[in-house]
Amino acid sequence: MRPPPDLAARVVRLPDQKTFQQTWQSMAWGQRREVLRSVNRGQAMRRRKDARLAVMVARQQQRYWRWAWLFAPVVALILLPNWVAVAVNAVLLGLVMGGFAWFRHRRAVESERANLERLQ
């Protein structure tokens, strides 16, 4: 589970969105890839300096995966002409994407927690 926002704010000072974007843009591709790989695996960063960025990336991914499971069923609703096919595809795609989104969201939460502990 995600730590309470007031606890995270008291323990760690995170950059605001503008500072995060500037820092992220100025990083080399290899460093960005390392941060993304760490978040995708649900792990803490080795360097404490990058842990702040990993927390921000993990929160972005959590926001994305919270709603991403809806994309495939909505596309099925729009593109398929037959209502039976729409219903079957929406249910199947919702289940598949829902499971995948749940897994990725859980990994982002684990990464956020691990990196917040690293920053303490």
PDB file of N, CA and C in Angstrom:
ATOM      1  N   MET A   1       0.820  -1.188   0.000  1.00  0.00           N
ATOM      2  CA  MET A   1       0.000   0.000   0.000  1.00  0.00           C
ATOM      3  C   MET A   1       0.864   1.251   0.000  1.00  0.00           C
ATOM      4  N   ARG A   2       0.304   2.308  -0.491  1.00  0.00           N
ATOM      5  CA  ARG A   2       1.000   3.583  -0.560  1.00  0.00           C
ATOM      6  C   ARG A   2       1.013   4.234   0.814  1.00  0.00           C
ATOM      7  N   PRO A   3       2.167   4.803   1.203  1.00  0.00           N
ATOM      8  CA  PRO A   3       2.211   5.467   2.510  1.00  0.00           C
ATOM      9  C   PRO A   3       1.308   6.698   2.506  1.00  0.00           C
ATOM     10  N   PRO A   4       0.796   7.084   3.656  1.00  0.00           N
ATOM     11  CA  PRO A   4      -0.038   8.289   3.708  1.00  0.00           C
ATOM     12  C   PRO A   4       0.731   9.490   3.194  1.00  0.00           C
ATOM     13  N   PRO A   5       0.054  10.394   2.444  1.00  0.00           N
ATOM     14  CA  PRO A   5       0.760  11.527   1.853  1.00  0.00           C
ATOM     15  C   PRO A   5       1.427  12.432   2.888  1.00  0.00           C
ATOM     16  N   ASP A   6       0.790  12.608   4.043  1.00  0.00           N
ATOM     17  CA  ASP A   6       1.395  13.485   5.056  1.00  0.00           C
ATOM     18  C   ASP A   6       2.675  12.868   5.612  1.00  0.00           C
ATOM     19  N   LEU A   7       2.724  11.537   5.735  1.00  0.00           N
ATOM     20  CA  LEU A   7       3.931  10.867   6.216  1.00  0.00           C
ATOM     21  C   LEU A   7       5.059  11.012   5.200  1.00  0.00           C
ATOM     22  N   ALA A   8       4.740  10.799   3.926  1.00  0.00           N
ATOM     23  CA  ALA A   8       5.758  10.926   2.887  1.00  0.00           C
ATOM     24  C   ALA A   8       6.278  12.360   2.817  1.00  0.00           C
ATOM     25  N   ALA A   9       5.399  13.340   3.005  1.00  0.00           N
ATOM     26  CA  ALA A   9       5.826  14.735   2.947  1.00  0.00           C
ATOM     27  C   ALA A   9       6.716  15.092   4.143  1.00  0.00           C
ATOM     28  N   ARG A  10       6.446  14.503   5.295  1.00  0.00           N
ATOM     29  CA  ARG A  10       7.259  14.810   6.468  1.00  0.00           C
ATOM     30  C   ARG A  10       8.619  14.134   6.397  1.00  0.00           C
ATOM     31  N   VAL A  11       8.670  12.949   5.849  1.00  0.00           N
ATOM     32  CA  VAL A  11       9.900  12.176   5.861  1.00  0.00           C
ATOM     33  C   VAL A  11      10.845  12.622   4.764  1.00  0.00           C
ATOM     34  N   VAL A  12      10.329  12.842   3.567  1.00  0.00           N
ATOM     35  CA  VAL A  12      11.160  13.100   2.400  1.00  0.00           C
ATOM     36  C   VAL A  12      10.668  14.350   1.688  1.00  0.00           C
ATOM     37  N   ARG A  13      11.597  15.169   1.285  1.00  0.00           N
ATOM     38  CA  ARG A  13      11.244  16.343   0.495  1.00  0.00           C
ATOM     39  C   ARG A  13      11.423  15.984  -0.972  1.00  0.00           C
ATOM     40  N   LEU A  14      10.321  15.918  -1.698  1.00  0.00           N
ATOM     41  CA  LEU A  14      10.348  15.555  -3.109  1.00  0.00           C
ATOM     42  C   LEU A  14      10.294  16.812  -3.968  1.00  0.00           C
ATOM     43  N   PRO A  15      10.865  16.740  -5.170  1.00  0.00           N
ATOM     44  CA  PRO A  15      10.819  17.912  -6.046  1.00  0.00           C
ATOM     45  C   PRO A  15       9.405  18.149  -6.571  1.00  0.00           C
ATOM     46  N   ASP A  16       9.116  19.408  -6.901  1.00  0.00           N
ATOM     47  CA  ASP A  16       7.833  19.682  -7.527  1.00  0.00           C
ATOM     48  C   ASP A  16       7.882  19.199  -8.988  1.00  0.00           C
ATOM     49  N   GLN A  17       6.759  19.251  -9.665  1.00  0.00           N
ATOM     50  CA  GLN A  17       6.664  18.687 -11.008  1.00  0.00           C
ATOM     51  C   GLN A  17       7.596  19.394 -11.997  1.00  0.00           C
ATOM     52  N   LYS A  18       7.711  20.692 -11.883  1.00  0.00           N
ATOM     53  CA  LYS A  18       8.562  21.443 -12.817  1.00  0.00           C
ATOM     54  C   LYS A  18      10.033  21.074 -12.619  1.00  0.00           C
ATOM     55  N   THR A  19      10.475  21.013 -11.383  1.00  0.00           N
ATOM     56  CA  THR A  19      11.863  20.635 -11.095  1.00  0.00           C
ATOM     57  C   THR A  19      12.124  19.202 -11.536  1.00  0.00           C
ATOM     58  N   PHE A  20      11.153  18.330 -11.291  1.00  0.00           N
ATOM     59  CA  PHE A  20      11.299  16.945 -11.725  1.00  0.00           C
ATOM     60  C   PHE A  20      11.464  16.870 -13.240  1.00  0.00           C
ATOM     61  N   GLN A  21      10.625  17.580 -13.974  1.00  0.00           N
ATOM     62  CA  GLN A  21      10.708  17.541 -15.442  1.00  0.00           C
ATOM     63  C   GLN A  21      12.051  18.078 -15.939  1.00  0.00           C
ATOM     64  N   GLN A  22      12.544  19.150 -15.343  1.00  0.00           N
ATOM     65  CA  GLN A  22      13.835  19.706 -15.755  1.00  0.00           C
ATOM     66  C   GLN A  22      14.962  18.721 -15.474  1.00  0.00           C
ATOM     67  N   THR A  23      14.937  18.118 -14.312  1.00  0.00           N
ATOM     68  CA  THR A  23      15.968  17.145 -13.966  1.00  0.00           C
ATOM     69  C   THR A  23      15.893  15.936 -14.885  1.00  0.00           C
ATOM     70  N   TRP A  24      14.680  15.464 -15.127  1.00  0.00           N
ATOM     71  CA  TRP A  24      14.483  14.283 -15.980  1.00  0.00           C
ATOM     72  C   TRP A  24      14.971  14.564 -17.404  1.00  0.00           C
ATOM     73  N   GLN A  25      14.675  15.744 -17.914  1.00  0.00           N
ATOM     74  CA  GLN A  25      15.090  16.105 -19.271  1.00  0.00           C
ATOM     75  C   GLN A  25      16.608  16.233 -19.385  1.00  0.00           C
ATOM     76  N   SER A  26      17.250  16.642 -18.319  1.00  0.00           N
ATOM     77  CA  SER A  26      18.704  16.857 -18.383  1.00  0.00           C
ATOM     78  C   SER A  26      19.497  15.563 -18.168  1.00  0.00           C
ATOM     79  N   MET A  27      18.832  14.497 -17.746  1.00  0.00           N
ATOM     80  CA  MET A  27      19.527  13.231 -17.510  1.00  0.00           C
ATOM     81  C   MET A  27      19.867  12.550 -18.833  1.00  0.00           C
ATOM     82  N   ALA A  28      20.940  11.798 -18.814  1.00  0.00           N
ATOM     83  CA  ALA A  28      21.297  10.997 -19.980  1.00  0.00           C
ATOM     84  C   ALA A  28      20.303   9.851 -20.120  1.00  0.00           C
ATOM     85  N   TRP A  29      20.182   9.327 -21.342  1.00  0.00           N
ATOM     86  CA  TRP A  29      19.221   8.264 -21.597  1.00  0.00           C
ATOM     87  C   TRP A  29      19.500   7.032 -20.729  1.00  0.00           C
ATOM     88  N   GLY A  30      20.753   6.705 -20.521  1.00  0.00           N
ATOM     89  CA  GLY A  30      21.101   5.548 -19.705  1.00  0.00           C
ATOM     90  C   GLY A  30      20.631   5.687 -18.269  1.00  0.00           C
ATOM     91  N   GLN A  31      20.748   6.891 -17.718  1.00  0.00           N
ATOM     92  CA  GLN A  31      20.281   7.123 -16.354  1.00  0.00           C
ATOM     93  C   GLN A  31      18.764   7.034 -16.264  1.00  0.00           C
ATOM     94  N   ARG A  32      18.078   7.587 -17.266  1.00  0.00           N
ATOM     95  CA  ARG A  32      16.618   7.495 -17.286  1.00  0.00           C
ATOM     96  C   ARG A  32      16.175   6.041 -17.360  1.00  0.00           C
ATOM     97  N   ARG A  33      16.859   5.299 -18.207  1.00  0.00           N
ATOM     98  CA  ARG A  33      16.517   3.886 -18.379  1.00  0.00           C
ATOM     99  C   ARG A  33      16.714   3.112 -17.073  1.00  0.00           C
ATOM    100  N   GLU A  34      17.774   3.453 -16.354  1.00  0.00           N
ATOM    101  CA  GLU A  34      18.039   2.800 -15.066  1.00  0.00           C
ATOM    102  C   GLU A  34      16.915   3.083 -14.066  1.00  0.00           C
ATOM    103  N   VAL A  35      16.451   4.323 -14.032  1.00  0.00           N
ATOM    104  CA  VAL A  35      15.352   4.689 -13.129  1.00  0.00           C
ATOM    105  C   VAL A  35      14.078   3.946 -13.532  1.00  0.00           C
ATOM    106  N   LEU A  36      13.769   3.951 -14.815  1.00  0.00           N
ATOM    107  CA  LEU A  36      12.564   3.265 -15.287  1.00  0.00           C
ATOM    108  C   LEU A  36      12.628   1.763 -15.023  1.00  0.00           C
ATOM    109  N   ARG A  37      13.785   1.174 -15.239  1.00  0.00           N
ATOM    110  CA  ARG A  37      13.949  -0.262 -14.989  1.00  0.00           C
ATOM    111  C   ARG A  37      13.737  -0.569 -13.507  1.00  0.00           C
ATOM    112  N   SER A  38      14.268   0.274 -12.653  1.00  0.00           N
ATOM    113  CA  SER A  38      14.103   0.079 -11.213  1.00  0.00           C
ATOM    114  C   SER A  38      12.626   0.153 -10.815  1.00  0.00           C
ATOM    115  N   VAL A  39      11.916   1.134 -11.342  1.00  0.00           N
ATOM    116  CA  VAL A  39      10.500   1.286 -11.018  1.00  0.00           C
ATOM    117  C   VAL A  39       9.699   0.111 -11.570  1.00  0.00           C
ATOM    118  N   ASN A  40       9.999  -0.292 -12.791  1.00  0.00           N
ATOM    119  CA  ASN A  40       9.264  -1.405 -13.396  1.00  0.00           C
ATOM    120  C   ASN A  40       9.489  -2.719 -12.663  1.00  0.00           C
ATOM    121  N   ARG A  41      10.626  -2.860 -12.019  1.00  0.00           N
ATOM    122  CA  ARG A  41      10.917  -4.077 -11.266  1.00  0.00           C
ATOM    123  C   ARG A  41      10.484  -3.980  -9.805  1.00  0.00           C
ATOM    124  N   GLY A  42      10.046  -2.805  -9.377  1.00  0.00           N
ATOM    125  CA  GLY A  42       9.604  -2.636  -7.999  1.00  0.00           C
ATOM    126  C   GLY A  42      10.751  -2.577  -7.010  1.00  0.00           C
ATOM    127  N   GLN A  43      11.903  -2.102  -7.448  1.00  0.00           N
ATOM    128  CA  GLN A  43      13.096  -2.079  -6.612  1.00  0.00           C
ATOM    129  C   GLN A  43      13.498  -0.648  -6.273  1.00  0.00           C
ATOM    130  N   ALA A  44      14.366  -0.536  -5.260  1.00  0.00           N
ATOM    131  CA  ALA A  44      14.921   0.761  -4.886  1.00  0.00           C
ATOM    132  C   ALA A  44      16.149   1.046  -5.749  1.00  0.00           C
ATOM    133  N   MET A  45      16.421   2.313  -5.940  1.00  0.00           N
ATOM    134  CA  MET A  45      17.606   2.729  -6.693  1.00  0.00           C
ATOM    135  C   MET A  45      18.849   2.531  -5.836  1.00  0.00           C
ATOM    136  N   ARG A  46      19.961   2.267  -6.491  1.00  0.00           N
ATOM    137  CA  ARG A  46      21.220   2.122  -5.751  1.00  0.00           C
ATOM    138  C   ARG A  46      21.714   3.475  -5.259  1.00  0.00           C
ATOM    139  N   ARG A  47      21.615   4.481  -6.123  1.00  0.00           N
ATOM    140  CA  ARG A  47      22.063   5.825  -5.729  1.00  0.00           C
ATOM    141  C   ARG A  47      20.905   6.584  -5.088  1.00  0.00           C
ATOM    142  N   ARG A  48      21.183   7.165  -3.940  1.00  0.00           N
ATOM    143  CA  ARG A  48      20.147   7.887  -3.212  1.00  0.00           C
ATOM    144  C   ARG A  48      19.633   9.091  -3.996  1.00  0.00           C
ATOM    145  N   LYS A  49      20.517   9.712  -4.768  1.00  0.00           N
ATOM    146  CA  LYS A  49      20.144  10.878  -5.560  1.00  0.00           C
ATOM    147  C   LYS A  49      19.040  10.531  -6.562  1.00  0.00           C
ATOM    148  N   ASP A  50      19.111   9.355  -7.146  1.00  0.00           N
ATOM    149  CA  ASP A  50      18.121   8.938  -8.136  1.00  0.00           C
ATOM    150  C   ASP A  50      16.842   8.411  -7.498  1.00  0.00           C
ATOM    151  N   ALA A  51      16.862   8.142  -6.210  1.00  0.00           N
ATOM    152  CA  ALA A  51      15.673   7.606  -5.539  1.00  0.00           C
ATOM    153  C   ALA A  51      14.524   8.609  -5.558  1.00  0.00           C
ATOM    154  N   ARG A  52      14.818   9.888  -5.450  1.00  0.00           N
ATOM    155  CA  ARG A  52      13.770  10.918  -5.513  1.00  0.00           C
ATOM    156  C   ARG A  52      13.063  10.877  -6.864  1.00  0.00           C
ATOM    157  N   LEU A  53      13.863  10.765  -7.920  1.00  0.00           N
ATOM    158  CA  LEU A  53      13.272  10.692  -9.257  1.00  0.00           C
ATOM    159  C   LEU A  53      12.459   9.413  -9.423  1.00  0.00           C
ATOM    160  N   ALA A  54      12.949   8.321  -8.853  1.00  0.00           N
ATOM    161  CA  ALA A  54      12.233   7.051  -8.954  1.00  0.00           C
ATOM    162  C   ALA A  54      10.879   7.135  -8.255  1.00  0.00           C
ATOM    163  N   VAL A  55      10.799   7.854  -7.147  1.00  0.00           N
ATOM    164  CA  VAL A  55       9.523   8.031  -6.456  1.00  0.00           C
ATOM    165  C   VAL A  55       8.556   8.795  -7.355  1.00  0.00           C
ATOM    166  N   MET A  56       9.044   9.835  -8.000  1.00  0.00           N
ATOM    167  CA  MET A  56       8.185  10.626  -8.882  1.00  0.00           C
ATOM    168  C   MET A  56       7.715   9.799 -10.080  1.00  0.00           C
ATOM    169  N   VAL A  57       8.616   9.025 -10.670  1.00  0.00           N
ATOM    170  CA  VAL A  57       8.242   8.173 -11.802  1.00  0.00           C
ATOM    171  C   VAL A  57       7.248   7.109 -11.355  1.00  0.00           C
ATOM    172  N   ALA A  58       7.465   6.535 -10.194  1.00  0.00           N
ATOM    173  CA  ALA A  58       6.541   5.513  -9.678  1.00  0.00           C
ATOM    174  C   ALA A  58       5.147   6.096  -9.482  1.00  0.00           C
ATOM    175  N   ARG A  59       5.058   7.305  -8.998  1.00  0.00           N
ATOM    176  CA  ARG A  59       3.746   7.933  -8.815  1.00  0.00           C
ATOM    177  C   ARG A  59       3.072   8.210 -10.154  1.00  0.00           C
ATOM    178  N   GLN A  60       3.861   8.616 -11.150  1.00  0.00           N
ATOM    179  CA  GLN A  60       3.294   8.813 -12.487  1.00  0.00           C
ATOM    180  C   GLN A  60       2.758   7.496 -13.042  1.00  0.00           C
ATOM    181  N   GLN A  61       3.519   6.436 -12.880  1.00  0.00           N
ATOM    182  CA  GLN A  61       3.082   5.141 -13.387  1.00  0.00           C
ATOM    183  C   GLN A  61       1.854   4.637 -12.637  1.00  0.00           C
ATOM    184  N   GLN A  62       1.769   4.919 -11.358  1.00  0.00           N
ATOM    185  CA  GLN A  62       0.580   4.517 -10.606  1.00  0.00           C
ATOM    186  C   GLN A  62      -0.660   5.215 -11.153  1.00  0.00           C
ATOM    187  N   ARG A  63      -0.544   6.517 -11.442  1.00  0.00           N
ATOM    188  CA  ARG A  63      -1.677   7.242 -12.015  1.00  0.00           C
ATOM    189  C   ARG A  63      -2.072   6.653 -13.364  1.00  0.00           C
ATOM    190  N   TYR A  64      -1.081   6.320 -14.183  1.00  0.00           N
ATOM    191  CA  TYR A  64      -1.366   5.761 -15.501  1.00  0.00           C
ATOM    192  C   TYR A  64      -2.038   4.396 -15.390  1.00  0.00           C
ATOM    193  N   TRP A  65      -1.446   3.484 -14.632  1.00  0.00           N
ATOM    194  CA  TRP A  65      -1.966   2.115 -14.569  1.00  0.00           C
ATOM    195  C   TRP A  65      -3.291   2.024 -13.828  1.00  0.00           C
ATOM    196  N   ARG A  66      -3.627   3.035 -13.045  1.00  0.00           N
ATOM    197  CA  ARG A  66      -4.919   3.035 -12.365  1.00  0.00           C
ATOM    198  C   ARG A  66      -6.064   3.071 -13.378  1.00  0.00           C
ATOM    199  N   TRP A  67      -5.822   3.687 -14.553  1.00  0.00           N
ATOM    200  CA  TRP A  67      -6.872   3.831 -15.558  1.00  0.00           C
ATOM    201  C   TRP A  67      -6.563   3.111 -16.869  1.00  0.00           C
ATOM    202  N   ALA A  68      -5.382   2.591 -17.062  1.00  0.00           N
ATOM    203  CA  ALA A  68      -4.991   2.003 -18.344  1.00  0.00           C
ATOM    204  C   ALA A  68      -5.788   0.760 -18.690  1.00  0.00           C
ATOM    205  N   TRP A  69      -6.285   0.047 -17.712  1.00  0.00           N
ATOM    206  CA  TRP A  69      -7.034  -1.169 -17.986  1.00  0.00           C
ATOM    207  C   TRP A  69      -8.319  -0.877 -18.755  1.00  0.00           C
ATOM    208  N   LEU A  70      -8.791   0.362 -18.746  1.00  0.00           N
ATOM    209  CA  LEU A  70     -10.012   0.719 -19.466  1.00  0.00           C
ATOM    210  C   LEU A  70      -9.797   0.953 -20.957  1.00  0.00           C
ATOM    211  N   PHE A  71      -8.549   1.168 -21.383  1.00  0.00           N
ATOM    212  CA  PHE A  71      -8.303   1.526 -22.780  1.00  0.00           C
ATOM    213  C   PHE A  71      -8.764   0.441 -23.751  1.00  0.00           C
ATOM    214  N   ALA A  72      -8.374  -0.796 -23.514  1.00  0.00           N
ATOM    215  CA  ALA A  72      -8.709  -1.875 -24.448  1.00  0.00           C
ATOM    216  C   ALA A  72     -10.219  -2.110 -24.538  1.00  0.00           C
ATOM    217  N   PRO A  73     -10.966  -2.187 -23.443  1.00  0.00           N
ATOM    218  CA  PRO A  73     -12.420  -2.352 -23.583  1.00  0.00           C
ATOM    219  C   PRO A  73     -13.092  -1.186 -24.306  1.00  0.00           C
ATOM    220  N   VAL A  74     -12.613   0.033 -24.078  1.00  0.00           N
ATOM    221  CA  VAL A  74     -13.203   1.193 -24.752  1.00  0.00           C
ATOM    222  C   VAL A  74     -12.942   1.121 -26.253  1.00  0.00           C
ATOM    223  N   VAL A  75     -11.742   0.719 -26.639  1.00  0.00           N
ATOM    224  CA  VAL A  75     -11.434   0.562 -28.062  1.00  0.00           C
ATOM    225  C   VAL A  75     -12.321  -0.525 -28.664  1.00  0.00           C
ATOM    226  N   ALA A  76     -12.528  -1.608 -27.941  1.00  0.00           N
ATOM    227  CA  ALA A  76     -13.421  -2.668 -28.427  1.00  0.00           C
ATOM    228  C   ALA A  76     -14.840  -2.133 -28.618  1.00  0.00           C
ATOM    229  N   LEU A  77     -15.302  -1.303 -27.717  1.00  0.00           N
ATOM    230  CA  LEU A  77     -16.639  -0.728 -27.845  1.00  0.00           C
ATOM    231  C   LEU A  77     -16.769   0.167 -29.072  1.00  0.00           C
ATOM    232  N   ILE A  78     -15.709   0.881 -29.387  1.00  0.00           N
ATOM    233  CA  ILE A  78     -15.749   1.828 -30.492  1.00  0.00           C
ATOM    234  C   ILE A  78     -15.595   1.129 -31.850  1.00  0.00           C
ATOM    235  N   LEU A  79     -14.703   0.163 -31.943  1.00  0.00           N
ATOM    236  CA  LEU A  79     -14.327  -0.382 -33.244  1.00  0.00           C
ATOM    237  C   LEU A  79     -15.159  -1.565 -33.726  1.00  0.00           C
ATOM    238  N   LEU A  80     -15.739  -2.336 -32.848  1.00  0.00           N
ATOM    239  CA  LEU A  80     -16.430  -3.543 -33.281  1.00  0.00           C
ATOM    240  C   LEU A  80     -17.911  -3.263 -33.562  1.00  0.00           C
ATOM    241  N   PRO A  81     -18.428  -3.746 -34.707  1.00  0.00           N
ATOM    242  CA  PRO A  81     -19.813  -3.439 -35.070  1.00  0.00           C
ATOM    243  C   PRO A  81     -20.847  -4.366 -34.411  1.00  0.00           C
ATOM    244  N   ASN A  82     -20.476  -5.575 -34.082  1.00  0.00           N
ATOM    245  CA  ASN A  82     -21.398  -6.561 -33.530  1.00  0.00           C
ATOM    246  C   ASN A  82     -21.406  -6.464 -32.010  1.00  0.00           C
ATOM    247  N   TRP A  83     -22.597  -6.376 -31.401  1.00  0.00           N
ATOM    248  CA  TRP A  83     -22.677  -6.178 -29.961  1.00  0.00           C
ATOM    249  C   TRP A  83     -22.205  -7.387 -29.162  1.00  0.00           C
ATOM    250  N   VAL A  84     -22.383  -8.566 -29.722  1.00  0.00           N
ATOM    251  CA  VAL A  84     -21.894  -9.761 -29.028  1.00  0.00           C
ATOM    252  C   VAL A  84     -20.370  -9.754 -28.997  1.00  0.00           C
ATOM    253  N   ALA A  85     -19.769  -9.425 -30.136  1.00  0.00           N
ATOM    254  CA  ALA A  85     -18.307  -9.347 -30.197  1.00  0.00           C
ATOM    255  C   ALA A  85     -17.795  -8.232 -29.285  1.00  0.00           C
ATOM    256  N   VAL A  86     -18.523  -7.143 -29.236  1.00  0.00           N
ATOM    257  CA  VAL A  86     -18.135  -6.034 -28.359  1.00  0.00           C
ATOM    258  C   VAL A  86     -18.140  -6.494 -26.910  1.00  0.00           C
ATOM    259  N   ALA A  87     -19.189  -7.167 -26.492  1.00  0.00           N
ATOM    260  CA  ALA A  87     -19.300  -7.608 -25.101  1.00  0.00           C
ATOM    261  C   ALA A  87     -18.202  -8.612 -24.747  1.00  0.00           C
ATOM    262  N   VAL A  88     -17.992  -9.584 -25.635  1.00  0.00           N
ATOM    263  CA  VAL A  88     -16.964 -10.597 -25.374  1.00  0.00           C
ATOM    264  C   VAL A  88     -15.581  -9.955 -25.325  1.00  0.00           C
ATOM    265  N   ASN A  89     -15.272  -9.140 -26.306  1.00  0.00           N
ATOM    266  CA  ASN A  89     -13.956  -8.487 -26.333  1.00  0.00           C
ATOM    267  C   ASN A  89     -13.773  -7.528 -25.168  1.00  0.00           C
ATOM    268  N   ALA A  90     -14.807  -6.793 -24.820  1.00  0.00           N
ATOM    269  CA  ALA A  90     -14.679  -5.853 -23.706  1.00  0.00           C
ATOM    270  C   ALA A  90     -14.405  -6.601 -22.402  1.00  0.00           C
ATOM    271  N   VAL A  91     -15.086  -7.708 -22.188  1.00  0.00           N
ATOM    272  CA  VAL A  91     -14.872  -8.477 -20.964  1.00  0.00           C
ATOM    273  C   VAL A  91     -13.478  -9.106 -20.963  1.00  0.00           C
ATOM    274  N   LEU A  92     -13.123  -9.788 -22.053  1.00  0.00           N
ATOM    275  CA  LEU A  92     -11.814 -10.438 -22.111  1.00  0.00           C
ATOM    276  C   LEU A  92     -10.663  -9.438 -22.023  1.00  0.00           C
ATOM    277  N   LEU A  93     -10.759  -8.370 -22.812  1.00  0.00           N
ATOM    278  CA  LEU A  93      -9.691  -7.370 -22.778  1.00  0.00           C
ATOM    279  C   LEU A  93      -9.642  -6.658 -21.430  1.00  0.00           C
ATOM    280  N   GLY A  94     -10.803  -6.436 -20.825  1.00  0.00           N
ATOM    281  CA  GLY A  94     -10.829  -5.829 -19.497  1.00  0.00           C
ATOM    282  C   GLY A  94     -10.141  -6.699 -18.463  1.00  0.00           C
ATOM    283  N   LEU A  95     -10.383  -8.008 -18.538  1.00  0.00           N
ATOM    284  CA  LEU A  95      -9.735  -8.920 -17.595  1.00  0.00           C
ATOM    285  C   LEU A  95      -8.229  -8.999 -17.830  1.00  0.00           C
ATOM    286  N   VAL A  96      -7.836  -9.132 -19.086  1.00  0.00           N
ATOM    287  CA  VAL A  96      -6.398  -9.232 -19.391  1.00  0.00           C
ATOM    288  C   VAL A  96      -5.681  -7.939 -19.030  1.00  0.00           C
ATOM    289  N   MET A  97      -6.214  -6.819 -19.499  1.00  0.00           N
ATOM    290  CA  MET A  97      -5.567  -5.536 -19.197  1.00  0.00           C
ATOM    291  C   MET A  97      -5.693  -5.190 -17.714  1.00  0.00           C
ATOM    292  N   GLY A  98      -6.781  -5.606 -17.096  1.00  0.00           N
ATOM    293  CA  GLY A  98      -6.937  -5.364 -15.660  1.00  0.00           C
ATOM    294  C   GLY A  98      -5.881  -6.086 -14.854  1.00  0.00           C
ATOM    295  N   GLY A  99      -5.622  -7.335 -15.207  1.00  0.00           N
ATOM    296  CA  GLY A  99      -4.568  -8.085 -14.518  1.00  0.00           C
ATOM    297  C   GLY A  99      -3.195  -7.488 -14.747  1.00  0.00           C
ATOM    298  N   PHE A 100      -2.926  -7.114 -15.992  1.00  0.00           N
ATOM    299  CA  PHE A 100      -1.638  -6.511 -16.299  1.00  0.00           C
ATOM    300  C   PHE A 100      -1.478  -5.167 -15.591  1.00  0.00           C
ATOM    301  N   ALA A 101      -2.531  -4.354 -15.609  1.00  0.00           N
ATOM    302  CA  ALA A 101      -2.467  -3.051 -14.948  1.00  0.00           C
ATOM    303  C   ALA A 101      -2.291  -3.213 -13.440  1.00  0.00           C
ATOM    304  N   TRP A 102      -2.982  -4.203 -12.850  1.00  0.00           N
ATOM    305  CA  TRP A 102      -2.827  -4.448 -11.422  1.00  0.00           C
ATOM    306  C   TRP A 102      -1.379  -4.815 -11.098  1.00  0.00           C
ATOM    307  N   PHE A 103      -0.778  -5.686 -11.907  1.00  0.00           N
ATOM    308  CA  PHE A 103       0.606  -6.103 -11.692  1.00  0.00           C
ATOM    309  C   PHE A 103       1.563  -4.917 -11.788  1.00  0.00           C
ATOM    310  N   ARG A 104       1.431  -4.109 -12.829  1.00  0.00           N
ATOM    311  CA  ARG A 104       2.324  -2.963 -13.014  1.00  0.00           C
ATOM    312  C   ARG A 104       2.115  -1.911 -11.929  1.00  0.00           C
ATOM    313  N   HIS A 105       0.860  -1.689 -11.533  1.00  0.00           N
ATOM    314  CA  HIS A 105       0.573  -0.727 -10.472  1.00  0.00           C
ATOM    315  C   HIS A 105       1.197  -1.197  -9.161  1.00  0.00           C
ATOM    316  N   ARG A 106       1.086  -2.492  -8.881  1.00  0.00           N
ATOM    317  CA  ARG A 106       1.676  -3.046  -7.654  1.00  0.00           C
ATOM    318  C   ARG A 106       3.187  -2.865  -7.649  1.00  0.00           C
ATOM    319  N   ARG A 107       3.828  -3.076  -8.795  1.00  0.00           N
ATOM    320  CA  ARG A 107       5.278  -2.880  -8.887  1.00  0.00           C
ATOM    321  C   ARG A 107       5.648  -1.417  -8.648  1.00  0.00           C
ATOM    322  N   ALA A 108       4.866  -0.490  -9.186  1.00  0.00           N
ATOM    323  CA  ALA A 108       5.142   0.935  -8.976  1.00  0.00           C
ATOM    324  C   ALA A 108       4.987   1.300  -7.502  1.00  0.00           C
ATOM    325  N   VAL A 109       3.993   0.730  -6.825  1.00  0.00           N
ATOM    326  CA  VAL A 109       3.802   0.988  -5.389  1.00  0.00           C
ATOM    327  C   VAL A 109       4.992   0.447  -4.603  1.00  0.00           C
ATOM    328  N   GLU A 110       5.434  -0.769  -4.949  1.00  0.00           N
ATOM    329  CA  GLU A 110       6.593  -1.355  -4.263  1.00  0.00           C
ATOM    330  C   GLU A 110       7.837  -0.499  -4.460  1.00  0.00           C
ATOM    331  N   SER A 111       8.029  -0.005  -5.673  1.00  0.00           N
ATOM    332  CA  SER A 111       9.188   0.837  -5.946  1.00  0.00           C
ATOM    333  C   SER A 111       9.113   2.147  -5.171  1.00  0.00           C
ATOM    334  N   GLU A 112       7.932   2.737  -5.128  1.00  0.00           N
ATOM    335  CA  GLU A 112       7.778   3.983  -4.375  1.00  0.00           C
ATOM    336  C   GLU A 112       8.113   3.763  -2.907  1.00  0.00           C
ATOM    337  N   ARG A 113       7.588   2.698  -2.333  1.00  0.00           N
ATOM    338  CA  ARG A 113       7.825   2.403  -0.922  1.00  0.00           C
ATOM    339  C   ARG A 113       9.319   2.169  -0.673  1.00  0.00           C
ATOM    340  N   ALA A 114       9.949   1.374  -1.529  1.00  0.00           N
ATOM    341  CA  ALA A 114      11.370   1.057  -1.349  1.00  0.00           C
ATOM    342  C   ALA A 114      12.234   2.309  -1.475  1.00  0.00           C
ATOM    343  N   ASN A 115      11.907   3.175  -2.421  1.00  0.00           N
ATOM    344  CA  ASN A 115      12.708   4.384  -2.599  1.00  0.00           C
ATOM    345  C   ASN A 115      12.459   5.411  -1.498  1.00  0.00           C
ATOM    346  N   LEU A 116      11.238   5.468  -0.976  1.00  0.00           N
ATOM    347  CA  LEU A 116      10.991   6.347   0.169  1.00  0.00           C
ATOM    348  C   LEU A 116      11.761   5.861   1.396  1.00  0.00           C
ATOM    349  N   GLU A 117      11.815   4.549   1.582  1.00  0.00           N
ATOM    350  CA  GLU A 117      12.628   4.011   2.692  1.00  0.00           C
ATOM    351  C   GLU A 117      14.094   4.310   2.473  1.00  0.00           C
ATOM    352  N   ARG A 118      14.534   4.257   1.240  1.00  0.00           N
ATOM    353  CA  ARG A 118      15.955   4.544   0.913  1.00  0.00           C
ATOM    354  C   ARG A 118      16.291   5.994   1.226  1.00  0.00           C
ATOM    355  N   LEU A 119      15.318   6.870   1.061  1.00  0.00           N
ATOM    356  CA  LEU A 119      15.562   8.307   1.289  1.00  0.00           C
ATOM    357  C   LEU A 119      15.493   8.700   2.761  1.00  0.00           C
ATOM    358  N   GLN A 120      14.989   7.849   3.617  1.00  0.00           N
ATOM    359  CA  GLN A 120      14.867   8.213   5.032  1.00  0.00           C
ATOM    360  C   GLN A 120      16.223   8.322   5.683  1.00  0.00           C
TER     361      GLN A 120
END
